[in-house]
Amino acid sequence: MSLRKHLAFLFVALVVIAMTAACSKKSQTPTEGFKAFYEAAKSKDAAALKKTIAKKLLAELEEQAKKAGKPFDEFLVDVDVPPAFPEVRNEKIDGDKATLEVKGASDNWRPTKLTKEDGVWKLDS
């Protein structure tokens, strides 16, 4: 095999490996999607938060920000987040919809909805 063919083969192999890694990263669980939301909210990173929230919910939040007269990014990061990732349980997946229960500050369990968009689980309520 010539050097040129060998390099072409290596390039194709690297592309396939990179694509496989990217696809496997998107096949997260709903709990991992919620954790991504939590981490972005904790770090007050509006751009990262937008990537963890479903489009429909983002539109609703944007409308709320307008009504409140606040810039959207400021409105989005203005949330109280517990210092540690909360307990979650009862993850249930039904196609591109999922629910899980998140333990609140007063030890009550709150159902949380997620939607799978573009292969990624995103907060939907």
C-alpha atoms as a PDB file:
ATOM      1  CA  MET A   1       0.000   0.000   0.000  1.00  0.00           C
ATOM      2  CA  SER A   2       1.440   3.352  -0.985  1.00  0.00           C
ATOM      3  CA  LEU A   3       2.001   6.063   1.586  1.00  0.00           C
ATOM      4  CA  ARG A   4      -0.732   8.174  -0.004  1.00  0.00           C
ATOM      5  CA  LYS A   5      -3.311   5.350   0.222  1.00  0.00           C
ATOM      6  CA  HIS A   6      -2.191   4.577   3.767  1.00  0.00           C
ATOM      7  CA  LEU A   7      -2.709   8.222   4.843  1.00  0.00           C
ATOM      8  CA  ALA A   8      -6.105   8.326   3.123  1.00  0.00           C
ATOM      9  CA  PHE A   9      -7.127   5.150   4.967  1.00  0.00           C
ATOM     10  CA  LEU A  10      -5.965   6.612   8.300  1.00  0.00           C
ATOM     11  CA  PHE A  11      -7.890   9.823   7.635  1.00  0.00           C
ATOM     12  CA  VAL A  12     -11.105   7.910   6.880  1.00  0.00           C
ATOM     13  CA  ALA A  13     -10.614   5.776   9.997  1.00  0.00           C
ATOM     14  CA  LEU A  14     -10.157   8.889  12.164  1.00  0.00           C
ATOM     15  CA  VAL A  15     -13.305  10.471  10.711  1.00  0.00           C
ATOM     16  CA  VAL A  16     -15.309   7.310  11.459  1.00  0.00           C
ATOM     17  CA  ILE A  17     -13.961   7.196  15.023  1.00  0.00           C
ATOM     18  CA  ALA A  18     -14.760  10.874  15.580  1.00  0.00           C
ATOM     19  CA  MET A  19     -18.301  10.451  14.210  1.00  0.00           C
ATOM     20  CA  THR A  20     -18.877   7.388  16.390  1.00  0.00           C
ATOM     21  CA  ALA A  21     -17.712   9.295  19.466  1.00  0.00           C
ATOM     22  CA  ALA A  22     -19.973  12.235  18.621  1.00  0.00           C
ATOM     23  CA  CYS A  23     -22.985   9.980  18.109  1.00  0.00           C
ATOM     24  CA  SER A  24     -22.399   8.060  21.323  1.00  0.00           C
ATOM     25  CA  LYS A  25     -22.141  11.346  23.209  1.00  0.00           C
ATOM     26  CA  LYS A  26     -25.622  12.295  21.964  1.00  0.00           C
ATOM     27  CA  SER A  27     -27.135   9.014  23.124  1.00  0.00           C
ATOM     28  CA  GLN A  28     -27.285  10.118  26.731  1.00  0.00           C
ATOM     29  CA  THR A  29     -29.976   9.187  29.231  1.00  0.00           C
ATOM     30  CA  PRO A  30     -32.680  11.588  30.427  1.00  0.00           C
ATOM     31  CA  THR A  31     -30.910  11.750  33.799  1.00  0.00           C
ATOM     32  CA  GLU A  32     -27.699  12.806  32.037  1.00  0.00           C
ATOM     33  CA  GLY A  33     -29.694  15.433  30.118  1.00  0.00           C
ATOM     34  CA  PHE A  34     -31.056  16.787  33.389  1.00  0.00           C
ATOM     35  CA  LYS A  35     -27.544  16.782  34.853  1.00  0.00           C
ATOM     36  CA  ALA A  36     -26.292  18.832  31.875  1.00  0.00           C
ATOM     37  CA  PHE A  37     -29.086  21.332  32.569  1.00  0.00           C
ATOM     38  CA  TYR A  38     -28.144  21.435  36.266  1.00  0.00           C
ATOM     39  CA  GLU A  39     -24.443  22.017  35.529  1.00  0.00           C
ATOM     40  CA  ALA A  40     -25.211  24.830  33.065  1.00  0.00           C
ATOM     41  CA  ALA A  41     -27.637  26.474  35.515  1.00  0.00           C
ATOM     42  CA  LYS A  42     -25.156  26.139  38.386  1.00  0.00           C
ATOM     43  CA  SER A  43     -22.420  27.807  36.340  1.00  0.00           C
ATOM     44  CA  LYS A  44     -24.862  30.513  35.127  1.00  0.00           C
ATOM     45  CA  ASP A  45     -23.895  29.738  31.516  1.00  0.00           C
ATOM     46  CA  ALA A  46     -26.769  30.978  29.320  1.00  0.00           C
ATOM     47  CA  ALA A  47     -25.347  29.507  26.095  1.00  0.00           C
ATOM     48  CA  ALA A  48     -24.952  26.067  27.685  1.00  0.00           C
ATOM     49  CA  LEU A  49     -28.400  26.318  29.269  1.00  0.00           C
ATOM     50  CA  LYS A  50     -30.008  26.970  25.887  1.00  0.00           C
ATOM     51  CA  LYS A  51     -28.505  23.698  24.637  1.00  0.00           C
ATOM     52  CA  THR A  52     -30.156  21.749  27.486  1.00  0.00           C
ATOM     53  CA  ILE A  53     -33.702  23.160  27.162  1.00  0.00           C
ATOM     54  CA  ALA A  54     -36.260  22.003  24.587  1.00  0.00           C
ATOM     55  CA  LYS A  55     -37.164  24.496  21.847  1.00  0.00           C
ATOM     56  CA  LYS A  56     -40.785  24.792  22.968  1.00  0.00           C
ATOM     57  CA  LEU A  57     -39.789  25.565  26.565  1.00  0.00           C
ATOM     58  CA  LEU A  58     -37.122  28.022  25.391  1.00  0.00           C
ATOM     59  CA  ALA A  59     -39.790  29.938  23.451  1.00  0.00           C
ATOM     60  CA  GLU A  60     -42.033  30.045  26.542  1.00  0.00           C
ATOM     61  CA  LEU A  61     -39.155  31.280  28.710  1.00  0.00           C
ATOM     62  CA  GLU A  62     -38.264  33.917  26.136  1.00  0.00           C
ATOM     63  CA  GLU A  63     -41.854  35.186  26.280  1.00  0.00           C
ATOM     64  CA  GLN A  64     -41.688  35.310  30.094  1.00  0.00           C
ATOM     65  CA  ALA A  65     -38.440  37.287  29.892  1.00  0.00           C
ATOM     66  CA  LYS A  66     -40.096  39.829  27.575  1.00  0.00           C
ATOM     67  CA  LYS A  67     -43.034  40.201  29.968  1.00  0.00           C
ATOM     68  CA  ALA A  68     -40.604  40.697  32.842  1.00  0.00           C
ATOM     69  CA  GLY A  69     -38.665  43.282  30.815  1.00  0.00           C
ATOM     70  CA  LYS A  70     -35.377  41.396  31.229  1.00  0.00           C
ATOM     71  CA  PRO A  71     -32.789  40.358  28.664  1.00  0.00           C
ATOM     72  CA  PHE A  72     -33.335  36.666  27.880  1.00  0.00           C
ATOM     73  CA  ASP A  73     -29.872  35.455  28.925  1.00  0.00           C
ATOM     74  CA  GLU A  74     -30.132  37.327  32.227  1.00  0.00           C
ATOM     75  CA  PHE A  75     -33.613  35.897  32.814  1.00  0.00           C
ATOM     76  CA  LEU A  76     -32.398  32.390  31.980  1.00  0.00           C
ATOM     77  CA  VAL A  77     -29.499  32.314  34.439  1.00  0.00           C
ATOM     78  CA  ASP A  78     -31.459  33.970  37.259  1.00  0.00           C
ATOM     79  CA  VAL A  79     -32.383  30.688  38.982  1.00  0.00           C
ATOM     80  CA  ASP A  80     -31.644  29.240  42.386  1.00  0.00           C
ATOM     81  CA  VAL A  81     -29.732  26.004  42.059  1.00  0.00           C
ATOM     82  CA  PRO A  82     -28.987  23.614  44.917  1.00  0.00           C
ATOM     83  CA  PRO A  83     -25.278  23.342  45.745  1.00  0.00           C
ATOM     84  CA  ALA A  84     -25.227  19.616  44.907  1.00  0.00           C
ATOM     85  CA  PHE A  85     -26.926  17.675  42.130  1.00  0.00           C
ATOM     86  CA  PRO A  86     -30.324  16.611  43.493  1.00  0.00           C
ATOM     87  CA  GLU A  87     -31.431  13.012  43.816  1.00  0.00           C
ATOM     88  CA  VAL A  88     -33.363  11.661  40.838  1.00  0.00           C
ATOM     89  CA  ARG A  89     -35.428   8.481  40.512  1.00  0.00           C
ATOM     90  CA  ASN A  90     -38.017   6.670  38.389  1.00  0.00           C
ATOM     91  CA  GLU A  91     -36.638   7.560  34.959  1.00  0.00           C
ATOM     92  CA  LYS A  92     -39.201   6.490  32.344  1.00  0.00           C
ATOM     93  CA  ILE A  93     -38.717   6.751  28.585  1.00  0.00           C
ATOM     94  CA  ASP A  94     -41.544   6.645  26.047  1.00  0.00           C
ATOM     95  CA  GLY A  95     -40.086   7.263  22.585  1.00  0.00           C
ATOM     96  CA  ASP A  96     -38.751  10.839  22.475  1.00  0.00           C
ATOM     97  CA  LYS A  97     -40.412  11.785  25.778  1.00  0.00           C
ATOM     98  CA  ALA A  98     -39.192  10.973  29.266  1.00  0.00           C
ATOM     99  CA  THR A  99     -39.972  11.745  32.870  1.00  0.00           C
ATOM    100  CA  LEU A 100     -37.958  11.478  36.011  1.00  0.00           C
ATOM    101  CA  GLU A 101     -38.577  12.581  39.561  1.00  0.00           C
ATOM    102  CA  VAL A 102     -36.288  15.164  41.154  1.00  0.00           C
ATOM    103  CA  LYS A 103     -36.037  15.561  44.913  1.00  0.00           C
ATOM    104  CA  GLY A 104     -36.737  19.124  45.989  1.00  0.00           C
ATOM    105  CA  ALA A 105     -35.411  21.126  48.933  1.00  0.00           C
ATOM    106  CA  SER A 106     -38.324  20.107  51.169  1.00  0.00           C
ATOM    107  CA  ASP A 107     -37.729  16.388  50.410  1.00  0.00           C
ATOM    108  CA  ASN A 108     -40.695  16.216  48.041  1.00  0.00           C
ATOM    109  CA  TRP A 109     -40.369  14.528  44.648  1.00  0.00           C
ATOM    110  CA  ARG A 110     -41.301  16.597  41.600  1.00  0.00           C
ATOM    111  CA  PRO A 111     -41.911  15.039  38.169  1.00  0.00           C
ATOM    112  CA  THR A 112     -39.721  16.541  35.460  1.00  0.00           C
ATOM    113  CA  LYS A 113     -40.294  16.112  31.723  1.00  0.00           C
ATOM    114  CA  LEU A 114     -37.625  15.828  29.080  1.00  0.00           C
ATOM    115  CA  THR A 115     -37.801  15.657  25.282  1.00  0.00           C
ATOM    116  CA  LYS A 116     -35.258  14.170  22.925  1.00  0.00           C
ATOM    117  CA  GLU A 117     -34.273  16.738  20.277  1.00  0.00           C
ATOM    118  CA  ASP A 118     -31.458  16.130  17.797  1.00  0.00           C
ATOM    119  CA  GLY A 119     -30.487  12.988  19.729  1.00  0.00           C
ATOM    120  CA  VAL A 120     -30.104  14.841  23.047  1.00  0.00           C
ATOM    121  CA  TRP A 121     -32.395  14.752  26.101  1.00  0.00           C
ATOM    122  CA  LYS A 122     -33.487  18.296  26.998  1.00  0.00           C
ATOM    123  CA  LEU A 123     -35.536  19.764  29.818  1.00  0.00           C
ATOM    124  CA  ASP A 124     -39.156  20.242  28.800  1.00  0.00           C
ATOM    125  CA  SER A 125     -40.778  21.431  32.040  1.00  0.00           C
END
